[in-house]
Amino acid sequence: MTITTAVNFAAQERMTPDDYVVTAIARDFAARGELSFERFLSGYYAEAIRLIQEAHLTECTTGPGDHCATCNGIRVGMTGLLAEQRAVTSGEVTTDAGH
């Protein structure tokens, strides 16, 4: 058994039914081509960041103009995501052989 196989088994043991659904949907988008898969990932990440932001805003105690590392991280994530979405929408998808 290789290390990768052991990691995959460990990851599968932690998967919830929702994880299996997302994996199946991602596989379907990937089969449709790279641009389709990139759009799926972009939407998935956007929803994840939105959920994180929504949860954090109920707990954030900093006032307007005060520094909050989590709020700043969410803003940076959204800015990067918007830039990526523009690139994907315009068809400027680039691949990274390291992924």
N, C-alpha and C. Protein backbone atom coordinates (compact mmCIF):
# COMPACT_ATOMS: atom_id res chain seq x y z
N MET A 1 0.85 -1.17 0.00
CA MET A 1 0.00 0.00 0.00
C MET A 1 0.90 1.24 0.00
N THR A 2 0.61 2.17 -0.89
CA THR A 2 1.40 3.39 -0.95
C THR A 2 0.86 4.40 0.04
N ILE A 3 1.63 5.47 0.27
CA ILE A 3 1.20 6.53 1.18
C ILE A 3 -0.07 7.18 0.64
N THR A 4 -0.13 7.41 -0.67
CA THR A 4 -1.31 8.03 -1.29
C THR A 4 -2.55 7.19 -1.05
N THR A 5 -2.43 5.88 -1.19
CA THR A 5 -3.56 4.99 -0.96
C THR A 5 -4.02 5.08 0.49
N ALA A 6 -3.08 5.11 1.43
CA ALA A 6 -3.43 5.21 2.84
C ALA A 6 -4.14 6.53 3.13
N VAL A 7 -3.65 7.61 2.52
CA VAL A 7 -4.28 8.92 2.71
C VAL A 7 -5.69 8.90 2.14
N ASN A 8 -5.87 8.30 0.96
CA ASN A 8 -7.20 8.23 0.36
C ASN A 8 -8.16 7.44 1.23
N PHE A 9 -7.72 6.33 1.80
CA PHE A 9 -8.57 5.55 2.69
C PHE A 9 -8.96 6.38 3.91
N ALA A 10 -8.00 7.10 4.47
CA ALA A 10 -8.26 7.93 5.65
C ALA A 10 -9.26 9.03 5.30
N ALA A 11 -9.11 9.64 4.14
CA ALA A 11 -10.04 10.69 3.71
C ALA A 11 -11.44 10.13 3.49
N GLN A 12 -11.52 8.96 2.90
CA GLN A 12 -12.83 8.34 2.65
C GLN A 12 -13.54 8.01 3.95
N GLU A 13 -12.80 7.64 4.97
CA GLU A 13 -13.42 7.32 6.25
C GLU A 13 -14.06 8.54 6.89
N ARG A 14 -13.54 9.73 6.58
CA ARG A 14 -14.07 10.97 7.15
C ARG A 14 -15.16 11.60 6.29
N MET A 15 -15.42 11.06 5.11
CA MET A 15 -16.39 11.66 4.21
C MET A 15 -17.82 11.48 4.71
N THR A 16 -18.59 12.54 4.57
CA THR A 16 -20.01 12.51 4.92
C THR A 16 -20.80 12.26 3.64
N PRO A 17 -22.08 11.96 3.75
CA PRO A 17 -22.90 11.81 2.53
C PRO A 17 -22.83 13.04 1.64
N ASP A 18 -22.78 14.24 2.23
CA ASP A 18 -22.65 15.46 1.43
C ASP A 18 -21.34 15.48 0.64
N ASP A 19 -20.26 14.99 1.25
CA ASP A 19 -18.97 14.94 0.56
C ASP A 19 -19.06 14.05 -0.68
N TYR A 20 -19.76 12.95 -0.56
CA TYR A 20 -19.91 12.05 -1.71
C TYR A 20 -20.71 12.72 -2.81
N VAL A 21 -21.73 13.49 -2.44
CA VAL A 21 -22.53 14.20 -3.44
C VAL A 21 -21.67 15.23 -4.16
N VAL A 22 -20.92 16.02 -3.41
CA VAL A 22 -20.06 17.04 -4.02
C VAL A 22 -19.02 16.39 -4.92
N THR A 23 -18.45 15.28 -4.48
CA THR A 23 -17.47 14.57 -5.29
C THR A 23 -18.08 14.10 -6.60
N ALA A 24 -19.27 13.56 -6.55
CA ALA A 24 -19.95 13.10 -7.77
C ALA A 24 -20.26 14.26 -8.70
N ILE A 25 -20.72 15.38 -8.14
CA ILE A 25 -21.01 16.55 -8.97
C ILE A 25 -19.73 17.08 -9.60
N ALA A 26 -18.67 17.17 -8.82
CA ALA A 26 -17.39 17.65 -9.34
C ALA A 26 -16.90 16.75 -10.47
N ARG A 27 -17.03 15.45 -10.29
CA ARG A 27 -16.62 14.49 -11.32
C ARG A 27 -17.41 14.72 -12.62
N ASP A 28 -18.71 15.00 -12.48
CA ASP A 28 -19.56 15.26 -13.64
C ASP A 28 -19.10 16.53 -14.37
N PHE A 29 -18.83 17.59 -13.63
CA PHE A 29 -18.35 18.83 -14.25
C PHE A 29 -16.99 18.62 -14.89
N ALA A 30 -16.11 17.87 -14.24
CA ALA A 30 -14.78 17.62 -14.80
C ALA A 30 -14.88 16.85 -16.11
N ALA A 31 -15.85 15.95 -16.21
CA ALA A 31 -16.02 15.18 -17.45
C ALA A 31 -16.47 16.06 -18.60
N ARG A 32 -17.08 17.19 -18.28
CA ARG A 32 -17.56 18.12 -19.31
C ARG A 32 -16.46 19.02 -19.86
N GLY A 33 -15.33 19.01 -19.20
CA GLY A 33 -14.22 19.82 -19.68
C GLY A 33 -13.68 20.75 -18.61
N GLU A 34 -12.51 21.27 -18.88
CA GLU A 34 -11.79 22.07 -17.90
C GLU A 34 -12.54 23.34 -17.52
N LEU A 35 -13.09 24.05 -18.49
CA LEU A 35 -13.79 25.29 -18.19
C LEU A 35 -15.01 25.04 -17.31
N SER A 36 -15.74 24.00 -17.59
CA SER A 36 -16.91 23.65 -16.79
C SER A 36 -16.50 23.34 -15.36
N PHE A 37 -15.42 22.59 -15.19
CA PHE A 37 -14.94 22.23 -13.86
C PHE A 37 -14.47 23.47 -13.11
N GLU A 38 -13.78 24.37 -13.79
CA GLU A 38 -13.31 25.61 -13.16
C GLU A 38 -14.50 26.45 -12.69
N ARG A 39 -15.54 26.49 -13.46
CA ARG A 39 -16.74 27.23 -13.05
C ARG A 39 -17.40 26.58 -11.83
N PHE A 40 -17.44 25.26 -11.80
CA PHE A 40 -17.98 24.56 -10.64
C PHE A 40 -17.18 24.90 -9.39
N LEU A 41 -15.85 24.81 -9.49
CA LEU A 41 -15.01 25.10 -8.33
C LEU A 41 -15.18 26.53 -7.86
N SER A 42 -15.27 27.43 -8.79
CA SER A 42 -15.44 28.84 -8.46
C SER A 42 -16.73 29.05 -7.66
N GLY A 43 -17.81 28.46 -8.11
CA GLY A 43 -19.08 28.57 -7.38
C GLY A 43 -19.03 27.89 -6.03
N TYR A 44 -18.37 26.74 -5.97
CA TYR A 44 -18.26 26.00 -4.72
C TYR A 44 -17.47 26.80 -3.69
N TYR A 45 -16.34 27.39 -4.12
CA TYR A 45 -15.53 28.20 -3.22
C TYR A 45 -16.29 29.45 -2.79
N ALA A 46 -17.03 30.07 -3.71
CA ALA A 46 -17.80 31.27 -3.37
C ALA A 46 -18.82 30.95 -2.28
N GLU A 47 -19.49 29.84 -2.40
CA GLU A 47 -20.48 29.45 -1.40
C GLU A 47 -19.80 29.15 -0.07
N ALA A 48 -18.66 28.50 -0.09
CA ALA A 48 -17.93 28.18 1.14
C ALA A 48 -17.52 29.48 1.85
N ILE A 49 -16.98 30.44 1.10
CA ILE A 49 -16.58 31.71 1.70
C ILE A 49 -17.79 32.46 2.24
N ARG A 50 -18.91 32.41 1.52
CA ARG A 50 -20.13 33.08 1.99
C ARG A 50 -20.59 32.48 3.32
N LEU A 51 -20.54 31.16 3.43
CA LEU A 51 -20.95 30.50 4.68
C LEU A 51 -20.01 30.85 5.83
N ILE A 52 -18.72 30.91 5.55
CA ILE A 52 -17.74 31.28 6.57
C ILE A 52 -17.99 32.72 7.03
N GLN A 53 -18.22 33.60 6.06
CA GLN A 53 -18.46 35.00 6.39
C GLN A 53 -19.73 35.14 7.23
N GLU A 54 -20.78 34.47 6.83
CA GLU A 54 -22.05 34.53 7.55
C GLU A 54 -21.89 34.05 9.00
N ALA A 55 -21.18 32.97 9.17
CA ALA A 55 -20.95 32.43 10.51
C ALA A 55 -20.08 33.38 11.33
N HIS A 56 -19.06 33.93 10.72
CA HIS A 56 -18.15 34.81 11.45
C HIS A 56 -18.82 36.12 11.85
N LEU A 57 -19.66 36.66 10.98
CA LEU A 57 -20.29 37.95 11.28
C LEU A 57 -21.15 37.89 12.53
N THR A 58 -21.69 36.71 12.84
CA THR A 58 -22.50 36.59 14.06
C THR A 58 -21.63 36.58 15.31
N GLU A 59 -20.32 36.30 15.15
CA GLU A 59 -19.42 36.22 16.29
C GLU A 59 -18.41 37.36 16.36
N CYS A 60 -18.24 38.12 15.28
CA CYS A 60 -17.21 39.15 15.21
C CYS A 60 -17.55 40.29 16.17
N THR A 61 -16.58 40.64 17.01
CA THR A 61 -16.81 41.68 18.01
C THR A 61 -16.06 42.97 17.70
N THR A 62 -15.34 43.03 16.59
CA THR A 62 -14.61 44.26 16.27
C THR A 62 -15.56 45.30 15.72
N GLY A 63 -15.26 46.51 16.00
CA GLY A 63 -16.08 47.62 15.52
C GLY A 63 -15.66 48.07 14.13
N PRO A 64 -16.46 48.96 13.53
CA PRO A 64 -16.11 49.50 12.21
C PRO A 64 -14.73 50.16 12.24
N GLY A 65 -13.90 49.82 11.30
CA GLY A 65 -12.56 50.38 11.21
C GLY A 65 -11.52 49.65 12.05
N ASP A 66 -11.95 48.73 12.92
CA ASP A 66 -11.01 47.95 13.72
C ASP A 66 -10.49 46.78 12.90
N HIS A 67 -9.31 46.29 13.28
CA HIS A 67 -8.68 45.18 12.56
C HIS A 67 -9.23 43.85 13.05
N CYS A 68 -9.69 43.03 12.10
CA CYS A 68 -10.10 41.65 12.40
C CYS A 68 -9.45 40.77 11.34
N ALA A 69 -8.56 39.89 11.76
CA ALA A 69 -7.84 39.03 10.82
C ALA A 69 -8.77 38.14 10.01
N THR A 70 -9.83 37.63 10.64
CA THR A 70 -10.77 36.77 9.92
C THR A 70 -11.53 37.56 8.86
N CYS A 71 -12.03 38.74 9.23
CA CYS A 71 -12.74 39.58 8.25
C CYS A 71 -11.82 39.95 7.09
N ASN A 72 -10.57 40.29 7.42
CA ASN A 72 -9.60 40.63 6.36
C ASN A 72 -9.34 39.43 5.46
N GLY A 73 -9.21 38.26 6.05
CA GLY A 73 -8.99 37.04 5.26
C GLY A 73 -10.16 36.74 4.34
N ILE A 74 -11.36 36.95 4.83
CA ILE A 74 -12.56 36.72 4.01
C ILE A 74 -12.57 37.70 2.84
N ARG A 75 -12.25 38.98 3.11
CA ARG A 75 -12.19 39.98 2.03
C ARG A 75 -11.16 39.61 0.98
N VAL A 76 -9.99 39.17 1.41
CA VAL A 76 -8.94 38.76 0.47
C VAL A 76 -9.41 37.56 -0.34
N GLY A 77 -10.04 36.59 0.32
CA GLY A 77 -10.56 35.41 -0.37
C GLY A 77 -11.60 35.78 -1.41
N MET A 78 -12.50 36.67 -1.06
CA MET A 78 -13.54 37.09 -2.01
C MET A 78 -12.93 37.85 -3.19
N THR A 79 -11.95 38.71 -2.92
CA THR A 79 -11.30 39.46 -4.00
C THR A 79 -10.61 38.51 -4.96
N GLY A 80 -9.88 37.53 -4.42
CA GLY A 80 -9.21 36.54 -5.27
C GLY A 80 -10.20 35.71 -6.04
N LEU A 81 -11.28 35.34 -5.40
CA LEU A 81 -12.31 34.54 -6.06
C LEU A 81 -12.96 35.31 -7.19
N LEU A 82 -13.27 36.58 -6.96
CA LEU A 82 -13.87 37.40 -8.02
C LEU A 82 -12.93 37.53 -9.22
N ALA A 83 -11.64 37.70 -8.96
CA ALA A 83 -10.67 37.78 -10.05
C ALA A 83 -10.62 36.46 -10.82
N GLU A 84 -10.65 35.35 -10.08
CA GLU A 84 -10.63 34.03 -10.72
C GLU A 84 -11.90 33.82 -11.54
N GLN A 85 -13.04 34.23 -11.01
CA GLN A 85 -14.30 34.06 -11.73
C GLN A 85 -14.29 34.86 -13.03
N ARG A 86 -13.74 36.06 -12.99
CA ARG A 86 -13.64 36.85 -14.23
C ARG A 86 -12.78 36.15 -15.26
N ALA A 87 -11.67 35.56 -14.81
CA ALA A 87 -10.78 34.84 -15.74
C ALA A 87 -11.47 33.62 -16.31
N VAL A 88 -12.18 32.89 -15.47
CA VAL A 88 -12.87 31.68 -15.93
C VAL A 88 -13.99 32.05 -16.89
N THR A 89 -14.75 33.07 -16.55
CA THR A 89 -15.87 33.50 -17.39
C THR A 89 -15.38 33.98 -18.75
N SER A 90 -14.22 34.62 -18.77
CA SER A 90 -13.69 35.11 -20.03
C SER A 90 -12.99 34.01 -20.82
N GLY A 91 -12.87 32.81 -20.24
CA GLY A 91 -12.25 31.68 -20.93
C GLY A 91 -10.75 31.64 -20.80
N GLU A 92 -10.19 32.43 -19.90
CA GLU A 92 -8.74 32.48 -19.71
C GLU A 92 -8.29 31.45 -18.67
N VAL A 93 -8.71 30.24 -18.83
CA VAL A 93 -8.36 29.19 -17.87
C VAL A 93 -6.93 28.74 -18.12
N THR A 94 -6.17 28.70 -17.06
CA THR A 94 -4.80 28.19 -17.16
C THR A 94 -4.69 26.97 -16.29
N THR A 95 -3.88 26.04 -16.70
CA THR A 95 -3.69 24.84 -15.89
C THR A 95 -2.36 24.92 -15.17
N ASP A 96 -2.30 24.28 -14.05
CA ASP A 96 -1.09 24.20 -13.26
C ASP A 96 -0.75 22.72 -13.13
N ALA A 97 0.31 22.31 -13.78
CA ALA A 97 0.68 20.89 -13.80
C ALA A 97 0.97 20.37 -12.40
N GLY A 98 1.20 21.27 -11.44
CA GLY A 98 1.51 20.84 -10.08
C GLY A 98 0.28 20.41 -9.29
N HIS A 99 -0.90 20.60 -9.81
CA HIS A 99 -2.14 20.22 -9.09
C HIS A 99 -2.60 18.86 -9.48
